[in-house]
Protein backbone atom coordinates (compact mmCIF):
# COMPACT_ATOMS: atom_id res chain seq x y z
CA MET A 1 202.01 -113.84 179.70
CA VAL A 2 205.01 -112.68 177.79
CA VAL A 3 205.79 -115.08 175.64
CA PHE A 4 202.34 -115.41 174.10
CA ILE A 5 202.40 -111.58 173.35
CA VAL A 6 205.77 -111.71 171.57
CA SER A 7 205.08 -114.51 169.68
CA ARG A 8 201.55 -113.17 168.63
CA LEU A 9 203.87 -109.81 167.75
CA GLN A 10 206.29 -111.69 166.02
CA HIS A 11 203.87 -113.38 163.80
CA GLY A 12 201.96 -110.08 163.16
CA CYS A 13 205.71 -108.26 162.09
CA LYS A 14 206.46 -110.93 159.93
CA ARG A 15 203.12 -110.33 158.35
CA LEU A 16 203.55 -106.64 158.29
CA ILE A 17 206.91 -106.69 156.38
CA GLY A 18 205.90 -109.65 154.14
CA LEU A 19 202.85 -107.70 152.24
CA ASN A 20 203.22 -107.07 148.88
CA LEU A 21 199.95 -106.84 146.85
CA PRO A 22 199.93 -105.94 143.51
CA PRO A 23 199.56 -101.75 143.25
CA LEU A 24 196.29 -100.34 142.40
CA THR A 25 196.06 -98.69 139.07
CA PRO A 26 195.94 -94.41 139.92
CA GLN A 27 195.13 -91.57 137.97
CA ARG A 28 197.14 -88.55 137.51
CA VAL A 29 195.84 -85.58 139.13
CA THR A 30 196.98 -81.79 140.11
CA PHE A 31 196.48 -79.97 143.65
CA PRO A 32 195.23 -76.60 143.65
CA ALA A 33 198.01 -73.89 144.22
CA ARG A 34 197.07 -73.38 147.91
CA GLN A 35 198.34 -76.87 148.74
CA ARG A 36 201.58 -76.22 147.11
CA ASN A 37 201.31 -77.83 144.02
CA TYR A 38 202.23 -81.06 145.44
CA ALA A 39 201.83 -83.68 142.51
CA SER A 40 199.65 -86.35 143.46
CA VAL A 41 197.85 -89.28 142.51
CA ALA A 42 193.98 -90.14 143.33
CA PHE A 43 192.38 -93.31 143.09
CA THR A 44 188.78 -92.91 141.56
CA SER A 45 185.61 -94.26 141.75
CA THR A 46 181.95 -94.38 139.76
CA SER A 47 180.16 -93.86 143.05
CA ASN A 48 179.22 -90.32 143.77
CA ASP A 49 179.85 -91.20 147.47
CA GLN A 50 183.55 -91.05 146.83
CA ASP A 51 183.47 -87.58 146.76
CA GLU A 52 182.54 -87.32 150.66
CA LEU A 53 186.15 -88.85 151.10
CA LEU A 54 189.09 -87.87 148.89
CA LEU A 55 192.33 -90.24 148.72
CA THR A 56 195.32 -88.73 147.19
CA PHE A 57 198.88 -89.48 147.09
CA ILE A 58 201.78 -87.07 147.22
CA GLU A 59 205.04 -88.88 145.49
CA LYS A 60 208.13 -88.34 147.07
CA GLU A 61 211.31 -89.37 144.57
CA LYS A 62 213.17 -92.30 146.23
CA GLN A 63 211.16 -92.04 149.50
CA GLY A 64 207.88 -93.36 148.78
CA LYS A 65 204.35 -91.43 149.38
CA ILE A 66 202.60 -89.62 151.56
CA ALA A 67 198.83 -90.63 151.50
CA ILE A 68 196.30 -87.55 152.03
CA MET A 69 192.90 -89.01 153.11
CA ALA A 70 190.48 -85.49 152.87
CA PHE A 71 186.87 -85.11 154.21
CA ASN A 72 184.83 -83.60 151.36
CA ARG A 73 181.22 -83.25 153.05
CA PRO A 74 180.40 -79.51 153.38
CA GLN A 75 176.58 -79.90 153.47
CA ALA A 76 176.92 -81.88 156.67
CA LYS A 77 179.95 -80.18 158.03
CA ASN A 78 182.09 -83.50 157.25
CA SER A 79 180.03 -85.45 159.71
CA PHE A 80 180.15 -89.08 159.97
CA GLY A 81 177.54 -90.72 157.90
CA ARG A 82 176.98 -94.47 156.71
CA ASN A 83 178.45 -93.76 153.31
CA VAL A 84 181.63 -91.77 154.91
CA VAL A 85 182.07 -94.88 157.41
CA GLY A 86 181.78 -97.14 154.34
CA LYS A 87 184.67 -95.42 152.67
CA PHE A 88 187.04 -95.02 155.52
CA MET A 89 186.60 -98.97 155.62
CA GLU A 90 187.60 -99.04 152.18
CA TYR A 91 190.78 -96.47 151.96
CA VAL A 92 192.00 -97.88 155.25
CA ASP A 93 192.04 -101.68 153.66
CA VAL A 94 193.71 -99.92 150.64
CA LEU A 95 196.54 -98.21 152.90
CA ARG A 96 196.98 -101.14 154.71
CA PHE A 97 198.76 -102.98 151.86
CA GLU A 98 200.51 -99.72 150.23
CA LYS A 99 204.26 -100.78 150.97
CA ASP A 100 205.37 -97.37 149.14
CA VAL A 101 202.80 -95.34 151.71
CA ARG A 102 205.22 -93.98 154.16
CA ALA A 103 203.11 -91.57 155.99
CA LEU A 104 199.21 -90.81 155.89
CA ILE A 105 197.65 -87.45 156.73
CA ILE A 106 193.74 -86.76 157.49
CA ARG A 107 192.68 -83.50 156.67
CA SER A 108 189.74 -81.68 155.50
CA VAL A 109 189.15 -79.63 151.94
CA VAL A 110 186.12 -77.91 153.86
CA PRO A 111 187.14 -74.42 155.37
CA GLY A 112 186.64 -74.11 159.11
CA ILE A 113 185.65 -77.83 159.65
CA PHE A 114 187.67 -81.06 160.12
CA CYS A 115 184.91 -82.97 161.32
CA ALA A 116 181.85 -82.43 163.19
CA GLY A 117 181.26 -85.66 164.42
CA ALA A 118 177.98 -88.20 164.18
CA ASP A 119 175.83 -87.33 161.51
CA LEU A 120 172.84 -86.20 164.01
CA LYS A 121 170.11 -85.85 160.91
CA GLU A 122 170.58 -89.44 160.05
CA ARG A 123 171.00 -90.40 163.35
CA LEU A 124 167.75 -89.30 164.37
CA LYS A 125 166.04 -90.93 161.54
CA MET A 126 167.83 -94.29 163.16
CA LYS A 127 165.95 -96.86 165.39
CA PRO A 128 167.33 -97.23 168.60
CA GLU A 129 168.34 -100.75 167.59
CA GLU A 130 170.27 -99.31 164.67
CA VAL A 131 172.22 -96.79 166.58
CA GLY A 132 174.45 -99.30 168.64
CA PRO A 133 175.83 -101.26 165.63
CA LEU A 134 176.73 -98.08 163.56
CA VAL A 135 178.65 -96.78 166.69
CA ALA A 136 180.46 -100.04 166.82
CA LYS A 137 181.64 -99.74 163.04
CA MET A 138 183.00 -96.62 163.61
CA ARG A 139 184.91 -97.82 166.59
CA ARG A 140 185.96 -100.46 164.38
CA VAL A 141 187.02 -98.09 161.75
CA LEU A 142 188.84 -95.90 164.03
CA SER A 143 190.79 -98.93 165.83
CA ASP A 144 191.82 -100.10 162.23
CA ILE A 145 193.49 -96.38 161.63
CA GLU A 146 195.24 -96.50 164.90
CA MET A 147 196.61 -99.94 163.58
CA LEU A 148 197.72 -98.88 160.55
CA PRO A 149 201.76 -99.84 159.81
CA MET A 150 202.57 -96.17 158.43
CA PRO A 151 202.24 -93.10 160.83
CA VAL A 152 198.85 -91.37 160.89
CA ILE A 153 198.96 -87.66 161.32
CA ALA A 154 195.56 -85.32 161.63
CA ALA A 155 195.57 -81.89 160.37
CA LEU A 156 193.00 -80.24 162.42
CA ASP A 157 192.11 -76.97 160.11
CA GLY A 158 189.02 -76.15 162.00
CA ALA A 159 186.04 -77.93 164.29
CA ALA A 160 187.04 -81.17 165.37
CA LEU A 161 184.12 -82.24 167.29
CA GLY A 162 182.87 -85.67 169.06
CA GLY A 163 183.43 -88.19 166.49
CA GLY A 164 185.91 -85.80 164.81
CA LEU A 165 188.15 -85.11 167.64
CA GLU A 166 188.10 -89.48 168.17
CA LEU A 167 189.19 -89.58 164.94
CA ALA A 168 192.20 -87.14 165.49
CA LEU A 169 193.12 -89.43 169.26
CA ALA A 170 193.17 -92.38 167.03
CA CYS A 171 195.91 -91.01 165.00
CA ASP A 172 199.79 -90.87 166.03
CA LEU A 173 200.28 -87.34 165.57
CA ARG A 174 198.18 -84.16 165.82
CA VAL A 175 198.67 -80.85 164.36
CA ALA A 176 196.43 -77.96 164.77
CA SER A 177 196.05 -74.27 163.56
CA THR A 178 195.53 -71.82 165.89
CA THR A 179 191.77 -71.33 164.92
CA ALA A 180 191.33 -74.86 165.36
CA LYS A 181 188.30 -76.26 167.67
CA MET A 182 188.51 -79.08 169.55
CA GLY A 183 185.94 -80.90 172.26
CA LEU A 184 184.45 -84.17 172.97
CA VAL A 185 180.82 -82.90 173.60
CA GLU A 186 178.99 -86.12 173.98
CA THR A 187 177.89 -85.18 177.32
CA ARG A 188 175.54 -82.13 176.05
CA LEU A 189 173.69 -84.40 173.53
CA ALA A 190 172.96 -86.94 176.84
CA ILE A 191 175.36 -89.58 175.63
CA ILE A 192 179.24 -90.43 175.95
CA PRO A 193 181.85 -90.26 173.56
CA GLY A 194 181.24 -93.91 172.04
CA ALA A 195 184.18 -94.28 169.40
CA GLY A 196 187.38 -94.81 171.88
CA GLY A 197 187.06 -90.97 172.79
CA THR A 198 186.75 -91.92 176.76
CA GLN A 199 189.85 -94.32 176.46
CA ARG A 200 192.03 -92.29 174.21
CA LEU A 201 191.67 -88.69 175.37
CA SER A 202 192.69 -90.02 178.86
CA ARG A 203 195.73 -91.89 177.75
CA ILE A 204 196.88 -88.82 175.85
CA ILE A 205 196.40 -85.79 178.33
CA GLY A 206 195.91 -87.74 181.40
CA VAL A 207 192.70 -89.00 183.54
CA ALA A 208 192.28 -85.97 185.50
CA LYS A 209 192.14 -83.65 182.65
CA ALA A 210 190.05 -86.18 180.00
CA LYS A 211 187.29 -86.37 183.23
CA GLU A 212 187.31 -82.81 183.00
CA LEU A 213 186.92 -81.93 179.25
CA ILE A 214 184.31 -84.86 178.78
CA PHE A 215 182.03 -83.99 181.91
CA THR A 216 182.08 -80.41 180.61
CA GLY A 217 181.70 -80.85 177.38
CA ARG A 218 184.63 -78.28 177.07
CA ILE A 219 185.97 -76.86 173.42
CA VAL A 220 189.72 -75.88 173.44
CA ASP A 221 191.17 -73.97 170.80
CA GLY A 222 194.52 -74.99 169.29
CA SER A 223 197.08 -73.27 171.43
CA GLU A 224 195.21 -74.53 174.50
CA ALA A 225 195.19 -78.17 173.13
CA LYS A 226 199.20 -77.83 172.68
CA GLU A 227 199.60 -76.76 176.39
CA ILE A 228 197.46 -79.62 177.86
CA GLY A 229 199.31 -82.08 175.37
CA LEU A 230 196.23 -82.66 173.24
CA VAL A 231 198.32 -81.89 170.13
CA ASN A 232 201.82 -82.04 169.04
CA GLN A 233 202.28 -79.15 167.17
CA VAL A 234 200.34 -75.77 166.67
CA ALA A 235 200.79 -73.49 163.16
CA GLU A 236 199.53 -69.96 162.87
CA GLN A 237 196.67 -70.12 160.60
CA ASN A 238 197.03 -68.59 157.15
CA LYS A 239 194.65 -67.11 154.54
CA ASN A 240 194.04 -70.25 152.44
CA GLY A 241 193.05 -72.13 155.88
CA ASP A 242 195.20 -74.86 155.63
CA GLY A 243 198.05 -74.00 158.10
CA ALA A 244 197.80 -77.19 159.66
CA TYR A 245 197.93 -79.19 156.85
CA LEU A 246 200.86 -77.63 155.52
CA ARG A 247 202.56 -78.06 158.71
CA ALA A 248 201.46 -81.87 158.88
CA VAL A 249 203.17 -82.17 155.34
CA GLU A 250 206.49 -81.01 156.59
CA LEU A 251 206.70 -83.43 159.51
CA ALA A 252 205.61 -85.98 157.58
CA GLU A 253 208.32 -85.12 155.31
CA GLU A 254 210.62 -85.48 158.08
CA ILE A 255 209.41 -89.06 158.79
CA ILE A 256 209.64 -90.91 155.59
CA PRO A 257 213.41 -90.61 154.22
CA ASN A 258 213.91 -93.17 157.69
CA GLY A 259 214.07 -96.52 157.14
CA PRO A 260 210.02 -97.34 156.70
CA ILE A 261 210.20 -100.72 158.52
CA GLY A 262 211.85 -99.21 161.50
CA VAL A 263 209.49 -96.55 161.91
CA ARG A 264 206.95 -99.24 161.50
CA MET A 265 208.37 -101.55 164.45
CA ALA A 266 208.52 -98.54 166.33
CA LYS A 267 205.16 -97.65 166.10
CA ILE A 268 204.33 -101.15 167.25
CA SER A 269 206.70 -101.05 169.96
CA ILE A 270 205.49 -98.06 171.73
CA SER A 271 201.56 -98.45 170.70
CA ARG A 272 201.95 -102.03 172.25
CA GLY A 273 203.99 -101.08 174.94
CA LYS A 274 202.23 -98.65 176.54
CA GLU A 275 199.42 -100.79 177.16
CA VAL A 276 201.41 -103.23 179.36
CA ASP A 277 204.20 -103.19 182.10
CA ILE A 278 207.52 -102.35 181.99
CA SER A 279 209.34 -105.78 181.46
CA THR A 280 206.30 -106.81 178.92
CA GLY A 281 207.05 -103.66 177.04
CA LEU A 282 210.82 -104.64 177.12
CA ALA A 283 209.85 -107.85 175.39
CA ILE A 284 207.75 -106.28 173.00
CA GLU A 285 210.90 -103.79 172.23
CA GLU A 286 212.89 -106.92 171.73
CA ALA A 287 210.60 -108.66 169.09
CA CYS A 288 210.50 -105.58 167.46
CA TYR A 289 214.14 -104.79 166.91
CA ALA A 290 214.43 -108.67 166.02
CA GLN A 291 212.29 -107.73 162.93
CA VAL A 292 214.85 -104.88 161.59
CA ILE A 293 218.18 -106.95 162.19
CA PRO A 294 217.76 -108.80 158.77
CA THR A 295 216.64 -106.19 156.42
CA LYS A 296 218.18 -104.83 153.81
CA ASP A 297 217.57 -101.14 155.01
CA ARG A 298 219.46 -101.87 158.00
CA ILE A 299 222.57 -102.80 156.16
CA GLU A 300 221.69 -99.60 154.00
CA GLY A 301 221.80 -97.48 156.63
CA LEU A 302 225.32 -98.45 157.97
CA VAL A 303 226.78 -98.32 154.24
CA ALA A 304 225.20 -95.07 153.66
CA PHE A 305 226.90 -93.83 156.87
CA LYS A 306 230.20 -95.19 156.00
CA GLU A 307 230.04 -93.83 152.73
CA LYS A 308 229.01 -90.40 154.17
CA ARG A 309 226.08 -90.24 151.73
CA PRO A 310 221.95 -90.15 152.27
CA PRO A 311 220.72 -93.66 152.75
CA HIS A 312 218.26 -94.89 150.21
CA TYR A 313 215.42 -97.14 151.89
CA LYS A 314 213.00 -99.32 149.94
CA GLY A 315 211.55 -100.97 152.93
CA GLU A 316 213.13 -104.23 152.53
């Protein structure tokens, strides 16, 4: 069993490191002042649905990019409709092969709301036989986000309810503002969390606490979320309503100077290892470590240490 897992992991790690697809053509744009004037590039589309989910990049000199995926659907409180789910699938496919992207932040540009979960108005018009496939598609999207090679950070500056919190749970790290509201409220609608919430929440905060929050449909704020381990960091909200986003950028800036292959292998080792026994987990760690030994980045780290200078990692 261990040999099988390690063999598949080694194959996956080699595929992950070896990806080198032609870059997409970007268009230069500028963020508003309240986003600290980070220069970014955004992929554009002729589809009006594009505006509901934005993808931009903060370029950091000699350190790659931070990708920013932002909800922009104010009329529906950033809820997950068919079009938004489709855009998530499209952007995840882009990011999966973007070698220069060192971290991804998922946020909202709609004040006071991260994501309200499923689009209930759309759901009400659907036939029962249509609901299952849509939820399954959403579940696959969140699993794909969870499996992205770079660290993924959720910046929660507003309400993250139902599927919105399930999305945050699929991210590696979560940063919330003090005014953010979070909850898996599906039992209030006589259903259950269907996009991984019952599984990921219990793994993050423990089974007993997860049962309490899901059974009651309780909503917690950023401070309580930090106390129970639901989020990694909590930031005081500012007058622009983007306190969590700015903290998330700072967190990403701490990550991206490090060796990108090392960070990716660490993510695989931790994520895969938590699902198995310690012996299998150590075998997974060994397989991941084997992937970093022949890299140019590892040598660059040693040389930079010897020369007492910052390393310049290229992901090679």
